[in-house]
């Protein structure tokens, strides 16, 4: 296997992967053997029909499709490991052609973790708080909100994220909206008409929201490390137990679920810390 790694703009990589035809044929034989093993023909026991007969009756495009899927999974994963690439998106894969007599070449475009540069965000958060105080002189209970902190972080950071990530997230948001609309008996067209928007306008809005959401995730992740925010396993377990969900016991044994909750708690702890610093002694008047 040969791999060429090309850097693209906005934290995106392009992998050009070439698999020798001998490996392609090996994979084809493996898949075809499996088809023969499961083939049933009148007059033959299962898996005992002649290969030529099986080949004649087999849908070649389906067979090739399975071979291609196996090759993509195997060699894409191998290419990532060999080149120490850690994607943060699903790959966008392109195949030029498939021929058993030729090397199999495909490209995979993927997003990687972006570089995050953060400026003087603490001054910005404090400035946001001071403005709130000025606007509500008679109100002693003025406090920052999560959005005030996130806005300050976005304003004071440089982070270029891949369009692939933005598109993925915007698509997810569109799918969610379509499902919600359908659940109350509305089609997407009816929803758009009610909102006086076109599908393109809605997509653009979602892309902007998606971009800010993803940027803030990467910024917060960096600050969690910079500010040395730590959450113990006990805090995670206490949170799961306190949630009172029916499958709490299952969640306690689910590593992915625990990691997800730990991540949420870390972000909450960081944001609270930044609020406390900006509000000073007023923070405890919550």
Protein backbone atom coordinates (compact mmCIF):
# COMPACT_ATOMS: atom_id res chain seq x y z
CA UNK A 1 0.00 0.00 0.00
CA UNK A 2 1.21 3.48 -0.85
CA UNK A 3 -0.12 6.59 0.87
CA UNK A 4 0.37 10.21 -0.10
CA UNK A 5 -0.73 12.80 2.48
CA UNK A 6 -1.66 16.25 1.19
CA UNK A 7 -2.44 19.16 3.53
CA UNK A 8 -5.56 21.07 2.55
CA UNK A 9 -6.77 24.43 3.92
CA UNK A 10 -8.71 24.64 7.20
CA UNK A 11 -7.36 21.64 9.15
CA UNK A 12 -8.21 19.19 6.37
CA UNK A 13 -6.09 16.35 4.97
CA UNK A 14 -6.31 14.44 1.72
CA UNK A 15 -5.01 10.88 1.68
CA UNK A 16 -4.32 9.29 -1.70
CA UNK A 17 -4.19 5.54 -1.08
CA UNK A 18 -3.07 2.95 -3.60
CA UNK A 19 -3.61 -0.77 -2.96
CA UNK A 20 -1.64 -3.26 -5.15
CA UNK A 21 -3.77 -5.38 -7.50
CA UNK A 22 -2.49 -8.59 -5.83
CA UNK A 23 -4.15 -7.48 -2.56
CA UNK A 24 -7.30 -6.54 -4.48
CA UNK A 25 -7.47 -10.05 -6.00
CA UNK A 26 -6.86 -11.64 -2.58
CA UNK A 27 -9.78 -9.70 -1.13
CA UNK A 28 -11.98 -10.63 -4.10
CA UNK A 29 -11.15 -14.34 -3.63
CA UNK A 30 -11.97 -14.10 0.08
CA UNK A 31 -15.36 -12.51 -0.60
CA UNK A 32 -16.14 -14.93 -3.44
CA UNK A 33 -15.22 -17.97 -1.30
CA UNK A 34 -17.76 -16.76 1.26
CA UNK A 35 -20.42 -16.49 -1.49
CA UNK A 36 -19.63 -20.05 -2.68
CA UNK A 37 -19.79 -21.36 0.91
CA UNK A 38 -23.31 -19.96 1.34
CA UNK A 39 -24.62 -20.69 -2.17
CA UNK A 40 -27.61 -23.02 -2.48
CA UNK A 41 -28.46 -24.66 -5.81
CA UNK A 42 -30.88 -27.48 -6.65
CA UNK A 43 -29.04 -30.83 -6.73
CA UNK A 44 -26.13 -29.61 -4.58
CA UNK A 45 -25.60 -29.47 -0.88
CA UNK A 46 -25.14 -25.94 0.51
CA UNK A 47 -21.70 -24.64 -0.44
CA UNK A 48 -20.94 -27.54 -2.77
CA UNK A 49 -22.03 -26.04 -6.11
CA UNK A 50 -19.25 -25.57 -8.74
CA UNK A 51 -17.57 -22.15 -8.58
CA UNK A 52 -18.33 -21.41 -12.25
CA UNK A 53 -22.04 -21.97 -11.68
CA UNK A 54 -21.99 -19.68 -8.61
CA UNK A 55 -20.09 -17.02 -10.56
CA UNK A 56 -22.67 -17.04 -13.37
CA UNK A 57 -25.54 -16.56 -10.94
CA UNK A 58 -23.87 -13.95 -8.72
CA UNK A 59 -24.55 -10.24 -9.07
CA UNK A 60 -21.08 -8.93 -9.96
CA UNK A 61 -21.80 -5.34 -8.90
CA UNK A 62 -22.89 -6.57 -5.46
CA UNK A 63 -19.77 -8.74 -5.21
CA UNK A 64 -17.47 -5.87 -6.23
CA UNK A 65 -19.32 -3.56 -3.84
CA UNK A 66 -18.46 -5.82 -0.90
CA UNK A 67 -14.83 -6.11 -2.01
CA UNK A 68 -14.56 -2.30 -2.29
CA UNK A 69 -16.10 -1.81 1.19
CA UNK A 70 -13.65 -4.29 2.71
CA UNK A 71 -10.68 -2.65 0.96
CA UNK A 72 -11.75 0.83 2.05
CA UNK A 73 -12.19 -0.16 5.69
CA UNK A 74 -8.95 -2.13 5.89
CA UNK A 75 -6.60 0.22 4.05
CA UNK A 76 -8.08 3.51 5.23
CA UNK A 77 -7.59 2.41 8.86
CA UNK A 78 -4.07 1.16 8.03
CA UNK A 79 -3.19 4.47 6.31
CA UNK A 80 -4.32 6.44 9.39
CA UNK A 81 -2.17 4.29 11.71
CA UNK A 82 0.93 4.35 9.52
CA UNK A 83 0.78 8.13 9.07
CA UNK A 84 -0.27 8.90 12.69
CA UNK A 85 -3.40 10.71 11.49
CA UNK A 86 -6.24 11.20 13.98
CA UNK A 87 -9.40 12.29 12.14
CA UNK A 88 -12.21 14.19 13.84
CA UNK A 89 -14.73 13.57 11.03
CA UNK A 90 -15.92 10.79 8.79
CA UNK A 91 -13.89 10.62 5.57
CA UNK A 92 -15.23 11.81 2.23
CA UNK A 93 -14.14 8.98 -0.06
CA UNK A 94 -13.75 9.06 -3.83
CA UNK A 95 -12.99 6.09 -6.10
CA UNK A 96 -11.92 6.55 -9.70
CA UNK A 97 -12.44 3.00 -10.93
CA UNK A 98 -12.42 -0.61 -9.82
CA UNK A 99 -10.62 -3.23 -11.89
CA UNK A 100 -9.30 -6.55 -10.55
CA UNK A 101 -6.30 -6.27 -12.87
CA UNK A 102 -5.28 -2.80 -11.66
CA UNK A 103 -4.13 -1.21 -8.41
CA UNK A 104 -7.06 0.13 -6.42
CA UNK A 105 -6.69 3.87 -5.83
CA UNK A 106 -8.97 5.99 -3.67
CA UNK A 107 -8.82 9.36 -1.96
CA UNK A 108 -10.09 10.12 1.53
CA UNK A 109 -10.60 13.73 2.61
CA UNK A 110 -10.90 14.17 6.38
CA UNK A 111 -10.88 16.79 9.11
CA UNK A 112 -8.16 16.86 11.78
CA UNK A 113 -7.97 18.69 15.11
CA UNK A 114 -7.27 22.37 14.43
CA UNK A 115 -4.65 24.58 16.04
CA UNK A 116 -6.29 26.86 18.62
CA UNK A 117 -4.88 30.30 19.43
CA UNK A 118 -6.54 32.11 22.31
CA UNK A 119 -6.06 35.79 23.14
CA UNK A 120 -6.88 37.73 26.31
CA UNK A 121 -10.28 36.13 26.82
CA UNK A 122 -10.35 36.83 30.58
CA UNK A 123 -10.31 40.60 30.01
CA UNK A 124 -13.14 40.21 27.49
CA UNK A 125 -15.26 38.19 29.96
CA UNK A 126 -14.61 40.81 32.68
CA UNK A 127 -15.51 43.58 30.22
CA UNK A 128 -18.79 41.78 29.39
CA UNK A 129 -19.58 41.61 33.11
CA UNK A 130 -18.76 45.29 33.68
CA UNK A 131 -21.08 46.27 30.81
CA UNK A 132 -23.89 44.23 32.40
CA UNK A 133 -23.33 46.01 35.73
CA UNK A 134 -23.47 49.42 34.03
CA UNK A 135 -26.70 48.52 32.20
CA UNK A 136 -28.44 47.41 35.47
CA UNK A 137 -27.31 49.80 38.17
CA UNK A 138 -30.36 49.27 40.38
CA UNK A 139 -30.14 45.48 40.12
CA UNK A 140 -27.60 43.93 42.50
CA UNK A 141 -28.11 40.45 41.06
CA UNK A 142 -26.26 40.81 37.76
CA UNK A 143 -24.50 37.66 36.63
CA UNK A 144 -22.77 36.29 33.59
CA UNK A 145 -24.35 33.52 31.55
CA UNK A 146 -22.67 30.66 29.70
CA UNK A 147 -23.26 32.47 26.38
CA UNK A 148 -21.38 35.55 27.66
CA UNK A 149 -18.33 33.37 28.27
CA UNK A 150 -18.62 31.47 24.96
CA UNK A 151 -19.03 34.72 22.98
CA UNK A 152 -15.91 36.17 24.64
CA UNK A 153 -13.93 33.01 23.84
CA UNK A 154 -15.03 32.99 20.19
CA UNK A 155 -14.20 36.69 19.85
CA UNK A 156 -10.70 36.21 21.26
CA UNK A 157 -9.69 33.01 19.49
CA UNK A 158 -8.30 31.91 16.17
CA UNK A 159 -9.34 28.45 15.08
CA UNK A 160 -9.85 27.23 11.51
CA UNK A 161 -12.10 24.20 11.33
CA UNK A 162 -12.67 21.95 8.35
CA UNK A 163 -15.74 22.53 6.17
CA UNK A 164 -16.32 18.77 6.45
CA UNK A 165 -17.03 19.12 10.18
CA UNK A 166 -19.34 22.09 9.64
CA UNK A 167 -21.26 20.31 6.87
CA UNK A 168 -21.59 17.14 8.97
CA UNK A 169 -22.99 19.06 11.94
CA UNK A 170 -25.32 21.20 9.78
CA UNK A 171 -26.67 18.02 8.13
CA UNK A 172 -27.32 16.52 11.57
CA UNK A 173 -29.20 19.66 12.59
CA UNK A 174 -31.29 19.56 9.38
CA UNK A 175 -32.14 15.87 9.95
CA UNK A 176 -33.19 16.62 13.52
CA UNK A 177 -35.42 19.46 12.32
CA UNK A 178 -37.04 17.29 9.62
CA UNK A 179 -37.77 14.57 12.23
CA UNK A 180 -39.24 17.12 14.65
CA UNK A 181 -41.39 18.69 11.92
CA UNK A 182 -42.64 15.26 10.80
CA UNK A 183 -43.49 14.31 14.39
CA UNK A 184 -46.05 17.16 14.45
CA UNK A 185 -47.26 16.41 10.94
CA UNK A 186 -45.33 19.10 9.05
CA UNK A 187 -43.27 18.60 5.92
CA UNK A 188 -40.01 20.54 5.53
CA UNK A 189 -41.65 22.74 2.87
CA UNK A 190 -44.51 23.60 5.23
CA UNK A 191 -42.07 24.43 8.01
CA UNK A 192 -39.99 26.66 5.70
CA UNK A 193 -43.13 28.43 4.50
CA UNK A 194 -44.20 29.10 8.10
CA UNK A 195 -40.73 30.52 8.87
CA UNK A 196 -40.66 32.46 5.57
CA UNK A 197 -37.29 30.93 4.65
CA UNK A 198 -35.80 28.93 1.80
CA UNK A 199 -33.97 25.64 2.36
CA UNK A 200 -30.68 27.36 1.41
CA UNK A 201 -31.23 30.15 3.95
CA UNK A 202 -31.89 27.58 6.67
CA UNK A 203 -28.78 25.59 5.68
CA UNK A 204 -26.65 28.76 5.83
CA UNK A 205 -28.04 29.56 9.29
CA UNK A 206 -27.32 26.05 10.50
CA UNK A 207 -23.80 26.18 9.06
CA UNK A 208 -23.07 29.36 11.01
CA UNK A 209 -24.46 27.84 14.23
CA UNK A 210 -22.55 24.59 13.56
CA UNK A 211 -19.30 26.50 12.96
CA UNK A 212 -19.58 28.43 16.23
CA UNK A 213 -20.57 25.29 18.18
CA UNK A 214 -17.60 23.30 16.87
CA UNK A 215 -15.15 26.18 17.36
CA UNK A 216 -16.28 26.64 20.95
CA UNK A 217 -15.85 22.88 21.58
CA UNK A 218 -12.19 22.99 20.46
CA UNK A 219 -11.54 26.22 22.40
CA UNK A 220 -13.07 24.79 25.60
CA UNK A 221 -11.10 21.54 25.20
CA UNK A 222 -7.85 23.53 24.99
CA UNK A 223 -8.75 25.70 28.00
CA UNK A 224 -9.65 22.62 30.08
CA UNK A 225 -6.03 21.49 29.59
CA UNK A 226 -4.56 25.00 30.02
CA UNK A 227 -6.53 25.71 33.21
CA UNK A 228 -5.85 22.17 34.50
CA UNK A 229 -9.53 21.41 35.07
CA UNK A 230 -9.98 17.93 36.50
CA UNK A 231 -13.05 15.83 37.18
CA UNK A 232 -12.76 12.68 39.29
CA UNK A 233 -14.45 9.35 38.55
CA UNK A 234 -16.49 9.85 41.72
CA UNK A 235 -17.88 13.16 40.41
CA UNK A 236 -18.92 11.41 37.19
CA UNK A 237 -20.55 8.55 39.09
CA UNK A 238 -22.34 10.97 41.46
CA UNK A 239 -23.68 12.88 38.45
CA UNK A 240 -25.01 9.68 36.85
CA UNK A 241 -26.65 8.56 40.11
CA UNK A 242 -28.14 12.01 40.74
CA UNK A 243 -29.66 12.12 37.23
CA UNK A 244 -32.15 9.44 38.30
CA UNK A 245 -32.34 7.90 34.82
CA UNK A 246 -33.67 4.32 34.69
CA UNK A 247 -30.47 2.93 33.07
CA UNK A 248 -28.07 4.65 35.53
CA UNK A 249 -26.39 1.33 36.42
CA UNK A 250 -25.75 0.64 32.74
CA UNK A 251 -24.28 4.13 32.26
CA UNK A 252 -21.91 3.57 35.20
CA UNK A 253 -20.38 0.64 33.32
CA UNK A 254 -20.31 2.35 29.93
CA UNK A 255 -16.86 3.90 29.26
CA UNK A 256 -18.10 6.09 26.38
CA UNK A 257 -21.04 7.38 28.42
CA UNK A 258 -18.76 8.17 31.37
CA UNK A 259 -16.28 9.97 29.10
CA UNK A 260 -19.14 12.04 27.62
CA UNK A 261 -20.45 13.05 31.06
CA UNK A 262 -16.91 13.80 32.29
CA UNK A 263 -16.46 16.10 29.27
CA UNK A 264 -19.69 17.99 30.10
CA UNK A 265 -18.66 18.36 33.76
CA UNK A 266 -15.21 19.64 32.76
CA UNK A 267 -16.74 22.30 30.53
CA UNK A 268 -19.21 23.34 33.24
CA UNK A 269 -16.41 23.55 35.82
CA UNK A 270 -14.26 25.65 33.48
CA UNK A 271 -17.10 28.07 32.63
CA UNK A 272 -18.02 28.43 36.32
CA UNK A 273 -14.37 29.15 37.15
CA UNK A 274 -14.16 31.85 34.46
CA UNK A 275 -17.41 33.41 35.70
CA UNK A 276 -16.15 33.40 39.30
CA UNK A 277 -12.93 35.14 38.27
CA UNK A 278 -14.80 37.84 36.34
CA UNK A 279 -17.53 38.44 38.94
CA UNK A 280 -15.25 38.29 41.98
CA UNK A 281 -17.11 38.47 45.29
CA UNK A 282 -20.40 39.19 43.49
CA UNK A 283 -20.42 35.61 42.12
CA UNK A 284 -21.58 34.23 45.46
CA UNK A 285 -24.68 36.40 45.37
CA UNK A 286 -26.24 33.91 42.86
